[in-house]
């Protein structure tokens, strides 16, 4: 009769372990103290199995002496679901900007591999009145520039570029600040972009900070425009 004790890597008793004699297929279980006893012959293999632990094996009576066995079990590491910790705003804008900011994984990868950032936008430059009239005074005619001014193409280009820049700057904030930051302040989720555009008009410095990629500065100015916009929503709601 082979006896033994089963503990984990912290020396705590492990109960409910299945002990199998692989030669006879006899099975027993460890008790609440981790103790067990099982019949075995010389050189029989005992296998120890429990869910959540690495399986162990032991051959017994190899030298004819029946010592009590000590079996140490090690737990199998388990993956757990991501735990999201919600932090409260402190009033320190530098700290709060890190709390509400989203992680830009693309930017992290670019920084890690050292990819160069694009400089400016690849756009066709709209014709300017001065750039067209000045050459005419010197005896040169910029045909394409004159056509763009007369046809209204230059004006349409400027209007389109302004719209594109506006959407890009709104997206820059949306990509970096969680929606909860706005909704907890009383701004409906479907009106966050509208609020940001309102802030650009009410406090032009907001957009200045966006262009400088200064999130703390953006939050500073948004804190000033949030009450104005929420009050406006209440009045429109009435």
Protein backbone atom coordinates (compact mmCIF):
# COMPACT_ATOMS: atom_id res chain seq x y z
CA UNK A 1 0.00 0.00 0.00
CA UNK A 2 1.51 3.30 -1.13
CA UNK A 3 0.68 6.40 0.88
CA UNK A 4 1.46 10.02 0.18
CA UNK A 5 0.54 13.66 0.41
CA UNK A 6 -0.17 16.21 -2.34
CA UNK A 7 0.57 19.93 -1.97
CA UNK A 8 0.69 22.87 -4.34
CA UNK A 9 3.61 25.22 -4.99
CA UNK A 10 2.62 27.17 -1.85
CA UNK A 11 2.66 23.99 0.28
CA UNK A 12 -1.13 24.09 0.63
CA UNK A 13 -2.94 20.75 0.74
CA UNK A 14 -4.60 19.77 -2.55
CA UNK A 15 -7.77 17.68 -2.23
CA UNK A 16 -9.78 15.91 -4.92
CA UNK A 17 -6.75 14.81 -6.93
CA UNK A 18 -7.32 11.64 -8.95
CA UNK A 19 -4.53 9.09 -8.40
CA UNK A 20 -4.42 6.34 -11.03
CA UNK A 21 -2.29 3.19 -10.99
CA UNK A 22 -1.53 2.94 -14.72
CA UNK A 23 -0.81 -0.80 -14.43
CA UNK A 24 -4.05 -1.84 -12.69
CA UNK A 25 -6.26 1.14 -13.60
CA UNK A 26 -7.20 1.46 -9.92
CA UNK A 27 -8.22 4.97 -8.88
CA UNK A 28 -8.38 6.80 -5.58
CA UNK A 29 -8.74 10.48 -4.56
CA UNK A 30 -6.80 12.68 -2.15
CA UNK A 31 -8.70 13.75 0.94
CA UNK A 32 -9.14 17.23 2.41
CA UNK A 33 -5.61 17.07 3.84
CA UNK A 34 -4.13 16.06 0.51
CA UNK A 35 -3.48 12.52 1.78
CA UNK A 36 -4.01 9.32 -0.26
CA UNK A 37 -3.26 5.59 -0.23
CA UNK A 38 -3.34 3.14 -3.15
CA UNK A 39 -2.24 -0.40 -3.88
CA UNK A 40 0.77 -0.70 -6.18
CA UNK A 41 3.49 -3.16 -7.13
CA UNK A 42 7.15 -2.48 -7.72
CA UNK A 43 7.81 -0.02 -10.55
CA UNK A 44 4.12 0.74 -11.10
CA UNK A 45 3.45 4.23 -12.44
CA UNK A 46 1.09 6.42 -10.46
CA UNK A 47 -0.48 9.33 -12.29
CA UNK A 48 -1.87 12.38 -10.51
CA UNK A 49 -4.53 14.42 -12.27
CA UNK A 50 -6.58 17.48 -11.29
CA UNK A 51 -8.16 20.15 -13.42
CA UNK A 52 -6.19 23.38 -13.38
CA UNK A 53 -2.92 21.68 -12.41
CA UNK A 54 -0.08 20.16 -14.41
CA UNK A 55 -0.28 16.37 -14.50
CA UNK A 56 2.31 14.51 -12.41
CA UNK A 57 3.63 10.94 -12.64
CA UNK A 58 5.65 8.86 -10.18
CA UNK A 59 7.05 5.31 -10.21
CA UNK A 60 6.95 3.55 -6.84
CA UNK A 61 8.85 0.86 -4.97
CA UNK A 62 11.77 1.04 -7.43
CA UNK A 63 14.24 0.22 -4.65
CA UNK A 64 11.99 -2.03 -2.60
CA UNK A 65 11.43 0.61 0.07
CA UNK A 66 7.91 2.03 0.57
CA UNK A 67 8.45 5.67 1.58
CA UNK A 68 5.54 8.08 1.86
CA UNK A 69 5.36 10.08 -1.37
CA UNK A 70 5.28 13.85 -1.49
CA UNK A 71 3.75 15.12 -4.72
CA UNK A 72 3.98 18.82 -5.53
CA UNK A 73 1.33 20.20 -7.90
CA UNK A 74 1.75 23.32 -10.01
CA UNK A 75 -1.22 25.30 -11.26
CA UNK A 76 -1.65 25.96 -14.97
CA UNK A 77 -1.70 29.72 -15.66
CA UNK A 78 -5.13 30.90 -16.86
CA UNK A 79 -5.94 33.78 -19.15
CA UNK A 80 -8.57 36.11 -17.73
CA UNK A 81 -10.73 38.67 -19.48
CA UNK A 82 -9.40 42.19 -19.68
CA UNK A 83 -10.22 44.19 -16.58
CA UNK A 84 -11.11 47.79 -17.32
CA UNK A 85 -10.31 50.18 -14.47
CA UNK A 86 -12.39 53.32 -14.48
CA UNK A 87 -10.51 56.29 -13.04
CA UNK A 88 -12.07 59.52 -11.86
CA UNK A 89 -10.98 62.87 -13.22
CA UNK A 90 -8.73 64.68 -10.77
CA UNK A 91 -8.82 68.25 -12.10
CA UNK A 92 -5.16 67.99 -13.12
CA UNK A 93 -5.42 68.37 -16.90
CA UNK A 94 -2.09 66.72 -17.61
CA UNK A 95 -3.15 63.67 -15.61
CA UNK A 96 -6.76 63.70 -16.80
CA UNK A 97 -5.69 63.82 -20.43
CA UNK A 98 -3.98 60.48 -19.90
CA UNK A 99 -7.06 59.04 -18.18
CA UNK A 100 -9.55 59.91 -20.94
CA UNK A 101 -7.14 59.43 -23.84
CA UNK A 102 -7.44 56.40 -26.06
CA UNK A 103 -4.36 54.40 -27.04
CA UNK A 104 -3.31 55.07 -30.62
CA UNK A 105 -1.81 51.66 -31.45
CA UNK A 106 -0.84 52.78 -34.93
CA UNK A 107 1.15 55.67 -33.49
CA UNK A 108 2.85 53.33 -31.00
CA UNK A 109 3.94 51.02 -33.83
CA UNK A 110 5.19 53.93 -35.94
CA UNK A 111 7.22 55.28 -33.02
CA UNK A 112 8.62 51.82 -32.24
CA UNK A 113 9.88 51.13 -35.76
CA UNK A 114 10.87 54.73 -36.44
CA UNK A 115 8.63 55.35 -39.43
CA UNK A 116 8.81 58.94 -40.70
CA UNK A 117 5.66 61.02 -40.35
CA UNK A 118 4.17 62.65 -43.43
CA UNK A 119 4.88 66.38 -43.70
CA UNK A 120 1.84 68.39 -44.81
CA UNK A 121 -0.87 67.19 -47.17
CA UNK A 122 -0.50 66.33 -50.81
CA UNK A 123 -2.99 68.86 -52.19
CA UNK A 124 -3.27 70.90 -55.30
CA UNK A 125 -2.76 74.50 -54.23
CA UNK A 126 -5.73 76.73 -55.12
CA UNK A 127 -4.99 79.69 -57.33
CA UNK A 128 -4.64 83.04 -55.55
CA UNK A 129 -5.62 86.41 -57.03
CA UNK A 130 -2.19 87.93 -56.32
CA UNK A 131 -0.39 85.01 -57.89
CA UNK A 132 -2.41 85.43 -61.10
CA UNK A 133 -2.55 89.24 -61.38
CA UNK A 134 1.09 89.97 -60.56
CA UNK A 135 2.48 87.92 -63.50
CA UNK A 136 -0.02 89.66 -65.83
CA UNK A 137 1.40 93.05 -64.80
CA UNK A 138 4.84 91.72 -65.69
CA UNK A 139 3.67 90.51 -69.07
CA UNK A 140 3.11 86.84 -68.18
CA UNK A 141 -0.23 85.06 -68.07
CA UNK A 142 -0.92 82.11 -65.79
CA UNK A 143 -3.62 80.51 -67.92
CA UNK A 144 -4.50 77.71 -65.51
CA UNK A 145 -4.58 80.06 -62.53
CA UNK A 146 -6.79 82.54 -64.37
CA UNK A 147 -9.17 79.74 -65.38
CA UNK A 148 -9.35 78.42 -61.80
CA UNK A 149 -10.28 81.88 -60.51
CA UNK A 150 -12.83 82.65 -63.22
CA UNK A 151 -14.49 79.21 -63.15
CA UNK A 152 -14.74 79.17 -59.36
CA UNK A 153 -12.53 76.08 -59.06
CA UNK A 154 -10.15 77.80 -56.64
CA UNK A 155 -13.05 78.86 -54.40
CA UNK A 156 -14.48 75.33 -54.39
CA UNK A 157 -11.06 73.88 -53.56
CA UNK A 158 -10.65 76.19 -50.57
CA UNK A 159 -14.13 75.34 -49.32
CA UNK A 160 -13.46 71.60 -49.68
CA UNK A 161 -10.09 71.87 -47.93
CA UNK A 162 -11.66 73.77 -45.05
CA UNK A 163 -14.31 71.06 -44.66
CA UNK A 164 -11.71 68.28 -44.83
CA UNK A 165 -9.55 69.99 -42.22
CA UNK A 166 -12.57 70.47 -39.96
CA UNK A 167 -13.50 66.77 -40.12
CA UNK A 168 -9.89 65.75 -39.58
CA UNK A 169 -9.57 67.92 -36.48
CA UNK A 170 -12.86 66.60 -35.08
CA UNK A 171 -11.68 63.05 -35.73
CA UNK A 172 -8.35 63.79 -34.00
CA UNK A 173 -10.21 64.51 -30.76
CA UNK A 174 -12.71 61.64 -31.17
CA UNK A 175 -9.84 59.20 -31.73
CA UNK A 176 -8.13 60.27 -28.52
CA UNK A 177 -10.92 60.94 -26.03
CA UNK A 178 -13.39 58.33 -24.83
CA UNK A 179 -17.08 58.99 -25.44
CA UNK A 180 -17.72 58.69 -21.69
CA UNK A 181 -15.82 61.94 -21.15
CA UNK A 182 -18.51 63.79 -23.14
CA UNK A 183 -21.61 61.83 -22.15
CA UNK A 184 -20.88 62.18 -18.43
CA UNK A 185 -20.78 65.95 -18.98
CA UNK A 186 -24.29 65.86 -20.46
CA UNK A 187 -23.49 65.68 -24.17
CA UNK A 188 -25.37 62.92 -26.06
CA UNK A 189 -23.08 60.50 -27.87
CA UNK A 190 -24.65 61.28 -31.25
CA UNK A 191 -23.86 65.00 -30.78
CA UNK A 192 -20.22 64.77 -29.71
CA UNK A 193 -18.89 65.78 -33.12
CA UNK A 194 -21.34 68.67 -33.23
CA UNK A 195 -20.13 69.81 -29.81
CA UNK A 196 -16.49 69.71 -30.92
CA UNK A 197 -17.31 71.82 -33.98
CA UNK A 198 -19.21 74.24 -31.71
CA UNK A 199 -16.10 74.48 -29.51
CA UNK A 200 -13.94 75.35 -32.51
CA UNK A 201 -16.16 78.37 -33.11
CA UNK A 202 -16.75 79.36 -29.48
CA UNK A 203 -13.10 78.90 -28.49
CA UNK A 204 -10.80 78.98 -31.55
CA UNK A 205 -7.90 78.04 -29.23
CA UNK A 206 -9.32 74.49 -29.16
CA UNK A 207 -8.41 74.08 -32.80
CA UNK A 208 -5.04 75.70 -32.25
CA UNK A 209 -4.24 73.04 -29.67
CA UNK A 210 -5.46 70.31 -32.04
CA UNK A 211 -3.07 71.54 -34.72
CA UNK A 212 -0.29 71.47 -32.11
CA UNK A 213 -1.40 67.94 -31.07
CA UNK A 214 -1.71 69.14 -27.47
CA UNK A 215 -4.44 67.04 -25.86
CA UNK A 216 -4.14 68.71 -22.45
CA UNK A 217 -4.71 72.11 -24.05
CA UNK A 218 -7.71 70.78 -25.96
CA UNK A 219 -9.28 69.46 -22.76
CA UNK A 220 -8.63 72.76 -21.01
CA UNK A 221 -10.66 74.68 -23.61
CA UNK A 222 -13.34 72.01 -23.93
CA UNK A 223 -13.99 72.33 -20.20
CA UNK A 224 -14.88 75.97 -20.89
CA UNK A 225 -17.24 75.24 -23.77
CA UNK A 226 -19.06 72.24 -22.29
CA UNK A 227 -21.34 74.37 -20.02
CA UNK A 228 -22.16 76.67 -22.95
CA UNK A 229 -23.14 73.78 -25.20
CA UNK A 230 -25.13 71.93 -22.51
CA UNK A 231 -27.05 75.11 -21.74
CA UNK A 232 -27.75 75.52 -25.44
CA UNK A 233 -29.11 71.95 -25.58
CA UNK A 234 -31.43 72.67 -22.65
CA UNK A 235 -32.81 75.80 -24.30
CA UNK A 236 -33.35 74.01 -27.61
CA UNK A 237 -35.01 71.17 -25.74
CA UNK A 238 -37.55 73.57 -24.31
